[in-house]
Protein backbone atom coordinates (compact mmCIF):
# COMPACT_ATOMS: atom_id res chain seq x y z
CA MET A 1 11.87 15.96 -12.99
CA GLY A 2 10.52 18.23 -16.06
CA THR A 3 11.44 15.86 -18.61
CA VAL A 4 9.00 16.02 -21.26
CA ILE A 5 6.57 13.17 -22.18
CA ALA A 6 5.36 12.71 -25.54
CA ALA A 7 3.06 10.44 -26.26
CA PRO A 8 3.65 6.70 -28.41
CA ALA A 9 0.70 6.64 -30.24
CA ALA A 10 -2.64 8.28 -31.26
CA GLY A 11 -5.55 8.95 -29.12
CA VAL A 12 -7.74 11.15 -27.13
CA VAL A 13 -7.00 12.44 -23.97
CA LEU A 14 -9.86 10.22 -21.78
CA ARG A 15 -8.81 11.53 -18.56
CA ILE A 16 -6.76 13.88 -16.63
CA ALA A 17 -6.90 13.58 -12.77
CA ASN A 18 -4.75 14.62 -9.56
CA GLU A 19 -5.32 11.79 -6.68
CA LEU A 20 -3.06 12.61 -3.99
CA ASP A 21 -2.51 9.25 -2.48
CA ARG A 22 -2.99 7.27 -6.26
CA GLY A 23 -0.54 8.60 -8.93
CA GLY A 24 -0.89 12.15 -8.14
CA LEU A 25 -1.15 14.59 -11.49
CA LYS A 26 -2.10 12.14 -14.42
CA ILE A 27 -3.15 11.74 -17.37
CA CYS A 28 -4.97 8.76 -19.97
CA ILE A 29 -4.95 8.46 -23.34
CA ASP A 30 -7.23 6.31 -24.61
CA HIS A 31 -5.73 4.96 -28.23
CA GLY A 32 -8.48 2.60 -30.20
CA GLN A 33 -8.95 -0.82 -30.41
CA ALA A 34 -8.73 -1.55 -26.28
CA LEU A 35 -5.21 0.22 -25.75
CA PHE A 36 -4.61 2.38 -23.08
CA THR A 37 -1.96 4.23 -21.82
CA THR A 38 -1.45 6.24 -18.45
CA TYR A 39 1.04 8.76 -17.06
CA ASN A 40 1.56 8.82 -13.51
CA HIS A 41 3.17 11.44 -11.10
CA LEU A 42 3.15 14.08 -13.28
CA GLY A 43 4.54 17.94 -13.24
CA ARG A 44 2.41 19.34 -15.08
CA THR A 45 0.12 18.30 -17.91
CA LEU A 46 0.36 19.91 -21.83
CA VAL A 47 -3.37 18.96 -22.67
CA ARG A 48 -7.12 18.70 -21.52
CA GLU A 49 -9.63 16.04 -21.66
CA GLY A 50 -10.67 15.61 -24.90
CA ASP A 51 -7.81 16.56 -26.86
CA PHE A 52 -6.92 14.33 -29.65
CA VAL A 53 -3.41 13.86 -29.75
CA ARG A 54 -0.70 12.49 -32.63
CA VAL A 55 2.19 10.27 -32.01
CA GLY A 56 5.08 12.45 -30.24
CA GLN A 57 3.17 15.14 -29.35
CA HIS A 58 4.53 16.30 -26.22
CA ILE A 59 1.63 16.30 -22.77
CA ALA A 60 3.22 16.79 -19.89
CA LEU A 61 6.34 17.20 -18.41
CA SER A 62 7.09 14.65 -15.33
CA GLY A 63 7.18 15.52 -11.95
CA ALA A 64 6.70 13.82 -8.05
CA SER A 65 2.84 14.68 -7.35
CA GLY A 66 1.33 12.36 -5.16
CA LEU A 67 4.63 11.22 -3.35
CA GLU A 68 4.71 14.14 -1.00
């Protein structure tokens, strides 16, 4: 827990949500050309919806949300 998560490719943060029974705190990034990545059970996000992220940018810290 607390490990930094980096964006694998540039894109736009499409959604940040916190759903207790469905992956906890999560981020969805739209990389274009129908490619999306999601990150679930996060401890904390470091970006906001609508942010443009570049490859390697820190986007979140790992956690165990949604598992309690």
